[in-house]
Amino acid sequence: MAIKFQYNKTSLNDMSKQLKVRQSALPTLKNKESALRLEVRKAKAKSEKLLDDLDAAMKEYDYLAALWNEFELNLISITDVDLDTVKVAGVRTPELKDIRYEIRDFNAFAKPAWYADGVSILKEMSRLGIESEVYKEKSRILDFQRKKTTQKVNLYEKVQIPGYQEAIRKIKRFMEDEENLTKASSKIVKTRHEMEEEGQI
């Protein structure tokens, strides 16, 4: 990315301001990038742990497999999932607040005694699965923002800051050369005047 500038004092001041803005923003961006990197790892780990817990719960209730055939599939259903928005390292991410279930009435005397436990088991398993998905989405959002922040850090560090520094160097060099030429030409003119006055020319 070529930085456009002019060889004058206004452009020099503008380049200096732009450079200062980027140099002061860079440490903040680097901190944000490392914070996001950490939060992505945490969210991924939490999602994987919840999935492992779900697998463990399914294995734990394997012995009930034959009983699930008696269970009414439409006895329990999820009506709503409440999500909150939480800022993590300045990024808005979802967080599971509540899961709302609808449990149809059933006759506790006519149905097997384990039905109530079956409802609790399904609630817990669905919570683990949904919460894992929420953390997976959180991890995806954070990782996307981390990549954008990394791109900005690289843009500042490798392109813009060196570009502005180079532009400032060129403008200063040009202005110094121009000043030296002005001084040299005024010396020549002065010397010529002196020589004219002395009648040497």
N, C-alpha and C. Protein backbone atom coordinates (compact mmCIF):
# COMPACT_ATOMS: atom_id res chain seq x y z
N MET A 1 0.84 -1.18 0.00
CA MET A 1 0.00 0.00 0.00
C MET A 1 0.88 1.23 0.00
N ALA A 2 0.84 1.97 -1.09
CA ALA A 2 1.65 3.18 -1.19
C ALA A 2 0.95 4.32 -0.45
N ILE A 3 1.72 5.01 0.37
CA ILE A 3 1.17 6.14 1.13
C ILE A 3 1.37 7.40 0.30
N LYS A 4 0.27 8.10 0.08
CA LYS A 4 0.33 9.32 -0.75
C LYS A 4 0.68 10.51 0.14
N PHE A 5 1.60 11.29 -0.34
CA PHE A 5 2.00 12.48 0.42
C PHE A 5 2.56 13.52 -0.53
N GLN A 6 2.70 14.75 0.00
CA GLN A 6 3.29 15.84 -0.77
C GLN A 6 4.53 16.31 -0.03
N TYR A 7 5.40 16.95 -0.78
CA TYR A 7 6.66 17.41 -0.17
C TYR A 7 6.47 18.80 0.43
N ASN A 8 5.71 18.88 1.51
CA ASN A 8 5.55 20.16 2.21
C ASN A 8 5.32 19.93 3.70
N LYS A 9 5.30 21.01 4.46
CA LYS A 9 5.19 20.94 5.91
C LYS A 9 3.83 20.39 6.36
N THR A 10 2.77 20.77 5.66
CA THR A 10 1.41 20.28 6.01
C THR A 10 1.36 18.77 5.90
N SER A 11 1.90 18.25 4.80
CA SER A 11 1.92 16.81 4.60
C SER A 11 2.79 16.13 5.66
N LEU A 12 3.90 16.76 6.01
CA LEU A 12 4.79 16.21 7.04
C LEU A 12 4.05 16.11 8.38
N ASN A 13 3.32 17.17 8.74
CA ASN A 13 2.55 17.15 9.99
C ASN A 13 1.48 16.07 9.97
N ASP A 14 0.81 15.95 8.81
CA ASP A 14 -0.24 14.93 8.67
C ASP A 14 0.35 13.52 8.80
N MET A 15 1.48 13.28 8.14
CA MET A 15 2.15 11.97 8.22
C MET A 15 2.57 11.66 9.67
N SER A 16 3.08 12.68 10.36
CA SER A 16 3.52 12.50 11.76
C SER A 16 2.34 12.14 12.65
N LYS A 17 1.20 12.81 12.43
CA LYS A 17 -0.01 12.49 13.22
C LYS A 17 -0.47 11.07 12.97
N GLN A 18 -0.53 10.69 11.68
CA GLN A 18 -0.97 9.34 11.31
C GLN A 18 -0.04 8.28 11.92
N LEU A 19 1.26 8.56 11.91
CA LEU A 19 2.23 7.64 12.48
C LEU A 19 2.01 7.49 13.98
N LYS A 20 1.83 8.62 14.69
CA LYS A 20 1.61 8.58 16.14
C LYS A 20 0.36 7.79 16.50
N VAL A 21 -0.72 8.00 15.72
CA VAL A 21 -1.98 7.27 15.97
C VAL A 21 -1.73 5.77 15.89
N ARG A 22 -1.04 5.34 14.85
CA ARG A 22 -0.80 3.91 14.66
C ARG A 22 0.17 3.34 15.70
N GLN A 23 1.20 4.11 16.04
CA GLN A 23 2.16 3.63 17.04
C GLN A 23 1.51 3.51 18.42
N SER A 24 0.59 4.42 18.75
CA SER A 24 -0.06 4.33 20.06
C SER A 24 -1.15 3.25 20.07
N ALA A 25 -1.76 2.97 18.90
CA ALA A 25 -2.81 1.93 18.83
C ALA A 25 -2.24 0.52 18.79
N LEU A 26 -1.02 0.38 18.30
CA LEU A 26 -0.42 -0.95 18.11
C LEU A 26 -0.35 -1.79 19.39
N PRO A 27 0.15 -1.26 20.52
CA PRO A 27 0.19 -2.10 21.74
C PRO A 27 -1.20 -2.56 22.19
N THR A 28 -2.20 -1.68 22.05
CA THR A 28 -3.57 -2.04 22.43
C THR A 28 -4.09 -3.16 21.54
N LEU A 29 -3.82 -3.04 20.24
CA LEU A 29 -4.24 -4.08 19.30
C LEU A 29 -3.56 -5.42 19.60
N LYS A 30 -2.27 -5.36 19.94
CA LYS A 30 -1.54 -6.59 20.27
C LYS A 30 -2.11 -7.25 21.53
N ASN A 31 -2.45 -6.42 22.53
CA ASN A 31 -3.06 -6.96 23.75
C ASN A 31 -4.41 -7.59 23.45
N LYS A 32 -5.19 -6.91 22.60
CA LYS A 32 -6.51 -7.44 22.23
C LYS A 32 -6.36 -8.77 21.51
N GLU A 33 -5.37 -8.83 20.61
CA GLU A 33 -5.13 -10.07 19.85
C GLU A 33 -4.79 -11.23 20.79
N SER A 34 -3.91 -10.99 21.76
CA SER A 34 -3.53 -12.09 22.66
C SER A 34 -4.69 -12.46 23.59
N ALA A 35 -5.49 -11.45 24.01
CA ALA A 35 -6.66 -11.74 24.85
C ALA A 35 -7.68 -12.57 24.07
N LEU A 36 -7.89 -12.22 22.81
CA LEU A 36 -8.83 -12.98 21.98
C LEU A 36 -8.34 -14.40 21.74
N ARG A 37 -7.03 -14.53 21.51
CA ARG A 37 -6.44 -15.86 21.30
C ARG A 37 -6.71 -16.76 22.52
N LEU A 38 -6.51 -16.20 23.71
CA LEU A 38 -6.76 -16.94 24.96
C LEU A 38 -8.23 -17.30 25.09
N GLU A 39 -9.13 -16.35 24.81
CA GLU A 39 -10.57 -16.58 24.93
C GLU A 39 -11.06 -17.62 23.92
N VAL A 40 -10.47 -17.64 22.72
CA VAL A 40 -10.83 -18.65 21.72
C VAL A 40 -10.48 -20.04 22.26
N ARG A 41 -9.27 -20.15 22.82
CA ARG A 41 -8.85 -21.45 23.39
C ARG A 41 -9.79 -21.89 24.51
N LYS A 42 -10.15 -20.93 25.39
CA LYS A 42 -11.05 -21.26 26.51
C LYS A 42 -12.40 -21.73 26.01
N ALA A 43 -12.97 -21.00 25.03
CA ALA A 43 -14.29 -21.34 24.51
C ALA A 43 -14.28 -22.71 23.82
N LYS A 44 -13.20 -22.99 23.04
CA LYS A 44 -13.09 -24.30 22.38
C LYS A 44 -13.00 -25.42 23.41
N ALA A 45 -12.16 -25.19 24.43
CA ALA A 45 -11.98 -26.19 25.48
C ALA A 45 -13.29 -26.45 26.21
N LYS A 46 -14.04 -25.39 26.50
CA LYS A 46 -15.33 -25.53 27.21
C LYS A 46 -16.32 -26.29 26.34
N SER A 47 -16.37 -25.98 25.04
CA SER A 47 -17.27 -26.68 24.12
C SER A 47 -16.93 -28.17 24.07
N GLU A 48 -15.63 -28.47 23.97
CA GLU A 48 -15.20 -29.88 23.92
C GLU A 48 -15.50 -30.61 25.22
N LYS A 49 -15.30 -29.93 26.36
CA LYS A 49 -15.58 -30.54 27.66
C LYS A 49 -17.06 -30.87 27.79
N LEU A 50 -17.92 -29.95 27.34
CA LEU A 50 -19.37 -30.18 27.40
C LEU A 50 -19.77 -31.37 26.52
N LEU A 51 -19.14 -31.49 25.35
CA LEU A 51 -19.41 -32.64 24.48
C LEU A 51 -18.95 -33.94 25.12
N ASP A 52 -17.78 -33.88 25.78
CA ASP A 52 -17.28 -35.06 26.49
C ASP A 52 -18.24 -35.44 27.62
N ASP A 53 -18.74 -34.42 28.35
CA ASP A 53 -19.71 -34.67 29.42
C ASP A 53 -20.98 -35.30 28.86
N LEU A 54 -21.40 -34.83 27.68
CA LEU A 54 -22.60 -35.39 27.04
C LEU A 54 -22.36 -36.85 26.66
N ASP A 55 -21.19 -37.14 26.08
CA ASP A 55 -20.85 -38.53 25.74
C ASP A 55 -20.82 -39.41 26.98
N ALA A 56 -20.21 -38.88 28.05
CA ALA A 56 -20.13 -39.64 29.31
C ALA A 56 -21.53 -39.90 29.87
N ALA A 57 -22.41 -38.90 29.79
CA ALA A 57 -23.78 -39.05 30.29
C ALA A 57 -24.54 -40.10 29.46
N MET A 58 -24.30 -40.07 28.13
CA MET A 58 -24.98 -41.06 27.27
C MET A 58 -24.51 -42.47 27.59
N LYS A 59 -23.21 -42.62 27.86
CA LYS A 59 -22.68 -43.95 28.21
C LYS A 59 -23.21 -44.38 29.58
N GLU A 60 -23.31 -43.40 30.48
CA GLU A 60 -23.80 -43.70 31.84
C GLU A 60 -25.23 -44.25 31.81
N TYR A 61 -26.03 -43.73 30.86
CA TYR A 61 -27.43 -44.16 30.79
C TYR A 61 -27.65 -45.22 29.71
N ASP A 62 -26.57 -45.82 29.23
CA ASP A 62 -26.66 -46.89 28.23
C ASP A 62 -27.53 -48.05 28.71
N TYR A 63 -27.42 -48.32 30.01
CA TYR A 63 -28.15 -49.47 30.57
C TYR A 63 -29.67 -49.25 30.50
N LEU A 64 -30.09 -48.00 30.27
CA LEU A 64 -31.52 -47.70 30.17
C LEU A 64 -32.03 -47.78 28.73
N ALA A 65 -31.17 -48.16 27.80
CA ALA A 65 -31.51 -48.15 26.37
C ALA A 65 -32.83 -48.87 26.08
N ALA A 66 -33.04 -49.99 26.68
CA ALA A 66 -34.28 -50.75 26.43
C ALA A 66 -35.50 -50.01 26.95
N LEU A 67 -35.31 -49.29 28.06
CA LEU A 67 -36.44 -48.56 28.65
C LEU A 67 -36.89 -47.37 27.81
N TRP A 68 -35.93 -46.76 27.06
CA TRP A 68 -36.27 -45.57 26.28
C TRP A 68 -37.32 -45.88 25.21
N ASN A 69 -37.44 -47.16 24.82
CA ASN A 69 -38.47 -47.55 23.84
C ASN A 69 -39.87 -47.30 24.39
N GLU A 70 -40.02 -47.36 25.72
CA GLU A 70 -41.32 -47.14 26.35
C GLU A 70 -41.61 -45.65 26.54
N PHE A 71 -40.57 -44.83 26.46
CA PHE A 71 -40.71 -43.39 26.74
C PHE A 71 -41.45 -42.68 25.61
N GLU A 72 -42.35 -41.79 25.95
CA GLU A 72 -43.08 -41.04 24.93
C GLU A 72 -42.18 -39.92 24.40
N LEU A 73 -41.92 -39.93 23.11
CA LEU A 73 -40.99 -38.97 22.50
C LEU A 73 -41.47 -37.53 22.61
N ASN A 74 -42.77 -37.31 22.57
CA ASN A 74 -43.29 -35.94 22.62
C ASN A 74 -43.64 -35.48 24.03
N LEU A 75 -43.15 -36.21 25.01
CA LEU A 75 -43.44 -35.86 26.41
C LEU A 75 -42.73 -34.56 26.80
N ILE A 76 -41.53 -34.36 26.29
CA ILE A 76 -40.75 -33.16 26.60
C ILE A 76 -40.26 -32.53 25.29
N SER A 77 -40.35 -31.21 25.22
CA SER A 77 -39.83 -30.51 24.05
C SER A 77 -39.25 -29.16 24.47
N ILE A 78 -38.31 -28.67 23.68
CA ILE A 78 -37.70 -27.36 23.97
C ILE A 78 -38.55 -26.30 23.27
N THR A 79 -39.02 -25.33 24.05
CA THR A 79 -39.83 -24.26 23.46
C THR A 79 -39.00 -23.04 23.12
N ASP A 80 -37.94 -22.79 23.90
CA ASP A 80 -37.13 -21.59 23.65
C ASP A 80 -35.75 -21.73 24.31
N VAL A 81 -34.79 -21.06 23.71
CA VAL A 81 -33.44 -20.99 24.28
C VAL A 81 -33.13 -19.51 24.45
N ASP A 82 -32.93 -19.09 25.70
CA ASP A 82 -32.62 -17.68 25.98
C ASP A 82 -31.11 -17.48 25.97
N LEU A 83 -30.67 -16.54 25.17
CA LEU A 83 -29.25 -16.21 25.10
C LEU A 83 -29.04 -14.78 25.56
N ASP A 84 -27.94 -14.55 26.23
CA ASP A 84 -27.51 -13.20 26.60
C ASP A 84 -26.35 -12.83 25.69
N THR A 85 -26.08 -11.53 25.61
CA THR A 85 -24.90 -11.09 24.88
C THR A 85 -23.89 -10.57 25.89
N VAL A 86 -22.71 -11.15 25.85
CA VAL A 86 -21.65 -10.79 26.80
C VAL A 86 -20.43 -10.32 26.02
N LYS A 87 -19.81 -9.25 26.50
CA LYS A 87 -18.59 -8.76 25.83
C LYS A 87 -17.38 -9.49 26.38
N VAL A 88 -16.60 -10.06 25.48
CA VAL A 88 -15.36 -10.74 25.84
C VAL A 88 -14.26 -10.07 25.03
N ALA A 89 -13.32 -9.42 25.71
CA ALA A 89 -12.23 -8.69 25.05
C ALA A 89 -12.78 -7.70 24.01
N GLY A 90 -13.89 -7.07 24.36
CA GLY A 90 -14.48 -6.06 23.49
C GLY A 90 -15.32 -6.61 22.35
N VAL A 91 -15.56 -7.93 22.36
CA VAL A 91 -16.35 -8.57 21.29
C VAL A 91 -17.64 -9.13 21.88
N ARG A 92 -18.75 -8.84 21.20
CA ARG A 92 -20.05 -9.33 21.67
C ARG A 92 -20.19 -10.81 21.33
N THR A 93 -20.43 -11.62 22.38
CA THR A 93 -20.56 -13.07 22.19
C THR A 93 -21.82 -13.58 22.89
N PRO A 94 -22.35 -14.73 22.42
CA PRO A 94 -23.54 -15.29 23.07
C PRO A 94 -23.20 -16.05 24.34
N GLU A 95 -24.15 -16.07 25.25
CA GLU A 95 -24.00 -16.87 26.47
C GLU A 95 -25.36 -17.45 26.80
N LEU A 96 -25.39 -18.73 27.13
CA LEU A 96 -26.65 -19.41 27.44
C LEU A 96 -27.19 -18.91 28.77
N LYS A 97 -28.42 -18.43 28.73
CA LYS A 97 -29.07 -17.93 29.95
C LYS A 97 -30.03 -18.99 30.49
N ASP A 98 -30.89 -19.50 29.60
CA ASP A 98 -31.92 -20.44 30.06
C ASP A 98 -32.44 -21.25 28.88
N ILE A 99 -32.91 -22.45 29.18
CA ILE A 99 -33.58 -23.28 28.19
C ILE A 99 -34.98 -23.54 28.73
N ARG A 100 -35.96 -23.25 27.90
CA ARG A 100 -37.35 -23.46 28.34
C ARG A 100 -37.88 -24.74 27.71
N TYR A 101 -38.46 -25.55 28.58
CA TYR A 101 -39.00 -26.84 28.15
C TYR A 101 -40.52 -26.84 28.32
N GLU A 102 -41.15 -27.63 27.50
CA GLU A 102 -42.58 -27.89 27.70
C GLU A 102 -42.70 -29.37 28.01
N ILE A 103 -43.25 -29.66 29.17
CA ILE A 103 -43.41 -31.05 29.57
C ILE A 103 -44.92 -31.35 29.61
N ARG A 104 -45.31 -32.28 28.77
CA ARG A 104 -46.73 -32.65 28.74
C ARG A 104 -47.09 -33.39 30.02
N ASP A 105 -48.30 -33.19 30.45
CA ASP A 105 -48.77 -33.90 31.64
C ASP A 105 -48.83 -35.40 31.35
N PHE A 106 -48.44 -36.17 32.34
CA PHE A 106 -48.57 -37.62 32.22
C PHE A 106 -49.03 -38.18 33.57
N ASN A 107 -49.68 -39.28 33.51
CA ASN A 107 -50.21 -39.90 34.71
C ASN A 107 -49.08 -40.69 35.38
N ALA A 108 -48.62 -40.18 36.51
CA ALA A 108 -47.49 -40.80 37.22
C ALA A 108 -47.83 -42.21 37.70
N PHE A 109 -49.14 -42.50 37.89
CA PHE A 109 -49.54 -43.85 38.38
C PHE A 109 -49.59 -44.85 37.23
N ALA A 110 -49.96 -44.34 36.03
CA ALA A 110 -50.10 -45.24 34.88
C ALA A 110 -48.77 -45.46 34.17
N LYS A 111 -47.87 -44.50 34.26
CA LYS A 111 -46.58 -44.59 33.58
C LYS A 111 -45.52 -45.18 34.53
N PRO A 112 -44.42 -45.68 33.94
CA PRO A 112 -43.36 -46.24 34.80
C PRO A 112 -42.78 -45.18 35.75
N ALA A 113 -42.27 -45.63 36.89
CA ALA A 113 -41.75 -44.72 37.93
C ALA A 113 -40.54 -43.92 37.45
N TRP A 114 -39.82 -44.43 36.47
CA TRP A 114 -38.60 -43.75 36.01
C TRP A 114 -38.87 -42.62 35.02
N TYR A 115 -40.13 -42.37 34.64
CA TYR A 115 -40.46 -41.29 33.70
C TYR A 115 -39.95 -39.92 34.16
N ALA A 116 -40.16 -39.63 35.44
CA ALA A 116 -39.71 -38.33 35.99
C ALA A 116 -38.19 -38.21 35.86
N ASP A 117 -37.48 -39.31 36.16
CA ASP A 117 -36.02 -39.32 36.00
C ASP A 117 -35.63 -39.17 34.53
N GLY A 118 -36.41 -39.80 33.65
CA GLY A 118 -36.15 -39.71 32.21
C GLY A 118 -36.24 -38.27 31.72
N VAL A 119 -37.22 -37.53 32.24
CA VAL A 119 -37.37 -36.12 31.87
C VAL A 119 -36.14 -35.34 32.33
N SER A 120 -35.67 -35.57 33.56
CA SER A 120 -34.48 -34.89 34.10
C SER A 120 -33.24 -35.23 33.29
N ILE A 121 -33.12 -36.50 32.91
CA ILE A 121 -31.96 -36.93 32.12
C ILE A 121 -31.95 -36.22 30.77
N LEU A 122 -33.11 -36.16 30.10
CA LEU A 122 -33.20 -35.50 28.80
C LEU A 122 -32.92 -34.00 28.91
N LYS A 123 -33.40 -33.39 29.99
CA LYS A 123 -33.13 -31.96 30.21
C LYS A 123 -31.62 -31.72 30.32
N GLU A 124 -30.97 -32.55 31.13
CA GLU A 124 -29.52 -32.39 31.35
C GLU A 124 -28.74 -32.63 30.06
N MET A 125 -29.11 -33.66 29.33
CA MET A 125 -28.40 -33.97 28.08
C MET A 125 -28.61 -32.87 27.04
N SER A 126 -29.82 -32.36 26.94
CA SER A 126 -30.07 -31.29 25.97
C SER A 126 -29.33 -30.02 26.38
N ARG A 127 -29.24 -29.75 27.68
CA ARG A 127 -28.51 -28.58 28.16
C ARG A 127 -27.04 -28.68 27.77
N LEU A 128 -26.45 -29.86 27.97
CA LEU A 128 -25.03 -30.06 27.61
C LEU A 128 -24.81 -29.83 26.11
N GLY A 129 -25.69 -30.38 25.29
CA GLY A 129 -25.56 -30.23 23.84
C GLY A 129 -25.72 -28.79 23.38
N ILE A 130 -26.74 -28.12 23.91
CA ILE A 130 -27.00 -26.72 23.51
C ILE A 130 -25.88 -25.82 23.99
N GLU A 131 -25.46 -25.99 25.24
CA GLU A 131 -24.38 -25.14 25.78
C GLU A 131 -23.08 -25.34 25.01
N SER A 132 -22.82 -26.57 24.60
CA SER A 132 -21.64 -26.86 23.78
C SER A 132 -21.70 -26.10 22.46
N GLU A 133 -22.88 -26.08 21.83
CA GLU A 133 -23.06 -25.35 20.57
C GLU A 133 -22.87 -23.84 20.77
N VAL A 134 -23.36 -23.32 21.90
CA VAL A 134 -23.21 -21.89 22.19
C VAL A 134 -21.73 -21.54 22.33
N TYR A 135 -20.97 -22.40 23.03
CA TYR A 135 -19.53 -22.16 23.19
C TYR A 135 -18.78 -22.31 21.86
N LYS A 136 -19.27 -23.22 21.01
CA LYS A 136 -18.65 -23.38 19.69
C LYS A 136 -18.85 -22.10 18.87
N GLU A 137 -20.07 -21.53 18.94
CA GLU A 137 -20.37 -20.29 18.22
C GLU A 137 -19.55 -19.13 18.80
N LYS A 138 -19.44 -19.11 20.12
CA LYS A 138 -18.64 -18.08 20.80
C LYS A 138 -17.19 -18.15 20.31
N SER A 139 -16.66 -19.36 20.24
CA SER A 139 -15.29 -19.58 19.78
C SER A 139 -15.14 -19.11 18.32
N ARG A 140 -16.13 -19.39 17.47
CA ARG A 140 -16.09 -18.99 16.06
C ARG A 140 -16.07 -17.46 15.93
N ILE A 141 -16.94 -16.79 16.69
CA ILE A 141 -17.01 -15.32 16.65
C ILE A 141 -15.69 -14.71 17.13
N LEU A 142 -15.18 -15.22 18.25
CA LEU A 142 -13.92 -14.70 18.81
C LEU A 142 -12.75 -14.94 17.86
N ASP A 143 -12.73 -16.11 17.22
CA ASP A 143 -11.63 -16.43 16.30
C ASP A 143 -11.68 -15.52 15.07
N PHE A 144 -12.89 -15.24 14.58
CA PHE A 144 -13.05 -14.33 13.44
C PHE A 144 -12.50 -12.94 13.81
N GLN A 145 -12.87 -12.45 14.99
CA GLN A 145 -12.39 -11.14 15.45
C GLN A 145 -10.88 -11.14 15.68
N ARG A 146 -10.36 -12.27 16.19
CA ARG A 146 -8.91 -12.37 16.40
C ARG A 146 -8.18 -12.26 15.07
N LYS A 147 -8.70 -12.94 14.04
CA LYS A 147 -8.06 -12.89 12.71
C LYS A 147 -8.08 -11.46 12.17
N LYS A 148 -9.20 -10.77 12.36
CA LYS A 148 -9.28 -9.37 11.90
C LYS A 148 -8.28 -8.50 12.65
N THR A 149 -8.15 -8.74 13.95
CA THR A 149 -7.21 -7.96 14.77
C THR A 149 -5.78 -8.26 14.36
N THR A 150 -5.48 -9.53 14.08
CA THR A 150 -4.14 -9.92 13.62
C THR A 150 -3.82 -9.23 12.29
N GLN A 151 -4.80 -9.18 11.39
CA GLN A 151 -4.59 -8.50 10.11
C GLN A 151 -4.27 -7.02 10.33
N LYS A 152 -4.99 -6.40 11.27
CA LYS A 152 -4.77 -4.98 11.54
C LYS A 152 -3.39 -4.76 12.15
N VAL A 153 -3.00 -5.65 13.08
CA VAL A 153 -1.66 -5.56 13.69
C VAL A 153 -0.60 -5.65 12.60
N ASN A 154 -0.74 -6.64 11.70
CA ASN A 154 0.22 -6.82 10.61
C ASN A 154 0.23 -5.62 9.66
N LEU A 155 -0.96 -5.08 9.38
CA LEU A 155 -1.06 -3.91 8.51
C LEU A 155 -0.30 -2.73 9.13
N TYR A 156 -0.55 -2.48 10.41
CA TYR A 156 0.13 -1.37 11.10
C TYR A 156 1.63 -1.61 11.18
N GLU A 157 1.99 -2.82 11.66
CA GLU A 157 3.38 -3.14 11.97
C GLU A 157 4.26 -3.26 10.72
N LYS A 158 3.73 -3.93 9.69
CA LYS A 158 4.57 -4.26 8.53
C LYS A 158 4.38 -3.34 7.34
N VAL A 159 3.25 -2.62 7.30
CA VAL A 159 2.98 -1.79 6.12
C VAL A 159 2.89 -0.31 6.47
N GLN A 160 1.91 0.04 7.30
CA GLN A 160 1.63 1.47 7.50
C GLN A 160 2.70 2.20 8.30
N ILE A 161 3.10 1.65 9.44
CA ILE A 161 4.12 2.36 10.26
C ILE A 161 5.41 2.54 9.46
N PRO A 162 5.98 1.47 8.85
CA PRO A 162 7.18 1.69 8.04
C PRO A 162 6.92 2.64 6.86
N GLY A 163 5.71 2.59 6.28
CA GLY A 163 5.37 3.47 5.16
C GLY A 163 5.35 4.94 5.57
N TYR A 164 4.73 5.21 6.71
CA TYR A 164 4.69 6.60 7.20
C TYR A 164 6.09 7.08 7.59
N GLN A 165 6.88 6.18 8.20
CA GLN A 165 8.25 6.55 8.58
C GLN A 165 9.07 6.90 7.34
N GLU A 166 8.89 6.10 6.30
CA GLU A 166 9.62 6.35 5.04
C GLU A 166 9.16 7.66 4.39
N ALA A 167 7.85 7.91 4.41
CA ALA A 167 7.30 9.16 3.85
C ALA A 167 7.85 10.37 4.60
N ILE A 168 7.89 10.28 5.93
CA ILE A 168 8.41 11.38 6.75
C ILE A 168 9.88 11.62 6.43
N ARG A 169 10.65 10.52 6.30
CA ARG A 169 12.08 10.63 5.96
C ARG A 169 12.26 11.33 4.61
N LYS A 170 11.45 10.93 3.62
CA LYS A 170 11.56 11.53 2.28
C LYS A 170 11.21 13.01 2.29
N ILE A 171 10.13 13.36 3.01
CA ILE A 171 9.70 14.77 3.08
C ILE A 171 10.78 15.61 3.76
N LYS A 172 11.30 15.10 4.88
CA LYS A 172 12.35 15.83 5.62
C LYS A 172 13.58 16.03 4.75
N ARG A 173 13.98 14.95 4.06
CA ARG A 173 15.16 15.02 3.19
C ARG A 173 14.95 16.05 2.07
N PHE A 174 13.75 16.01 1.48
CA PHE A 174 13.43 16.96 0.42
C PHE A 174 13.48 18.40 0.93
N MET A 175 12.86 18.62 2.13
CA MET A 175 12.82 19.97 2.70
C MET A 175 14.22 20.45 3.08
N GLU A 176 15.06 19.53 3.59
CA GLU A 176 16.45 19.88 3.92
C GLU A 176 17.22 20.24 2.65
N ASP A 177 17.04 19.43 1.60
CA ASP A 177 17.71 19.72 0.32
C ASP A 177 17.27 21.07 -0.24
N GLU A 178 15.96 21.31 -0.14
CA GLU A 178 15.42 22.58 -0.63
C GLU A 178 16.01 23.76 0.16
N GLU A 179 16.11 23.58 1.48
CA GLU A 179 16.68 24.63 2.35
C GLU A 179 18.15 24.86 2.01
N ASN A 180 18.89 23.76 1.81
CA ASN A 180 20.31 23.87 1.45
C ASN A 180 20.49 24.57 0.10
N LEU A 181 19.62 24.24 -0.86
CA LEU A 181 19.68 24.88 -2.17
C LEU A 181 19.38 26.37 -2.06
N THR A 182 18.39 26.71 -1.24
CA THR A 182 18.04 28.12 -1.03
C THR A 182 19.21 28.86 -0.41
N LYS A 183 19.83 28.24 0.62
CA LYS A 183 21.00 28.86 1.27
C LYS A 183 22.15 29.03 0.28
N ALA A 184 22.40 27.97 -0.50
CA ALA A 184 23.50 28.00 -1.47
C ALA A 184 23.25 29.07 -2.53
N SER A 185 22.01 29.12 -3.03
CA SER A 185 21.73 30.13 -4.07
C SER A 185 21.79 31.54 -3.50
N SER A 186 21.35 31.72 -2.25
CA SER A 186 21.45 33.07 -1.66
C SER A 186 22.92 33.44 -1.41
N LYS A 187 23.77 32.45 -1.10
CA LYS A 187 25.21 32.71 -0.93
C LYS A 187 25.82 33.13 -2.26
N ILE A 188 25.41 32.41 -3.31
CA ILE A 188 25.94 32.73 -4.64
C ILE A 188 25.53 34.14 -5.04
N VAL A 189 24.26 34.46 -4.81
CA VAL A 189 23.76 35.79 -5.15
C VAL A 189 24.50 36.85 -4.34
N LYS A 190 24.70 36.58 -3.05
CA LYS A 190 25.39 37.53 -2.15
C LYS A 190 26.83 37.74 -2.62
N THR A 191 27.50 36.63 -2.94
CA THR A 191 28.89 36.71 -3.41
C THR A 191 28.96 37.50 -4.71
N ARG A 192 28.02 37.26 -5.61
CA ARG A 192 27.99 37.96 -6.88
C ARG A 192 27.78 39.48 -6.65
N HIS A 193 26.88 39.85 -5.73
CA HIS A 193 26.64 41.24 -5.41
C HIS A 193 27.92 41.91 -4.87
N GLU A 194 28.57 41.18 -3.96
CA GLU A 194 29.81 41.70 -3.38
C GLU A 194 30.86 41.93 -4.46
N MET A 195 30.94 40.94 -5.37
CA MET A 195 31.94 41.05 -6.45
C MET A 195 31.59 42.21 -7.39
N GLU A 196 30.30 42.41 -7.62
CA GLU A 196 29.87 43.52 -8.48
C GLU A 196 30.22 44.87 -7.84
N GLU A 197 30.00 44.93 -6.52
CA GLU A 197 30.27 46.17 -5.79
C GLU A 197 31.77 46.50 -5.82
N GLU A 198 32.57 45.47 -5.74
CA GLU A 198 34.02 45.68 -5.74
C GLU A 198 34.55 45.89 -7.16
N GLY A 199 33.68 45.70 -8.11
CA GLY A 199 34.05 45.93 -9.50
C GLY A 199 34.82 44.78 -10.10
N GLN A 200 34.72 43.65 -9.53
CA GLN A 200 35.42 42.48 -10.06
C GLN A 200 34.69 41.84 -11.23
N ILE A 201 33.41 42.19 -11.37
CA ILE A 201 32.66 41.61 -12.49
C ILE A 201 32.40 42.66 -13.52
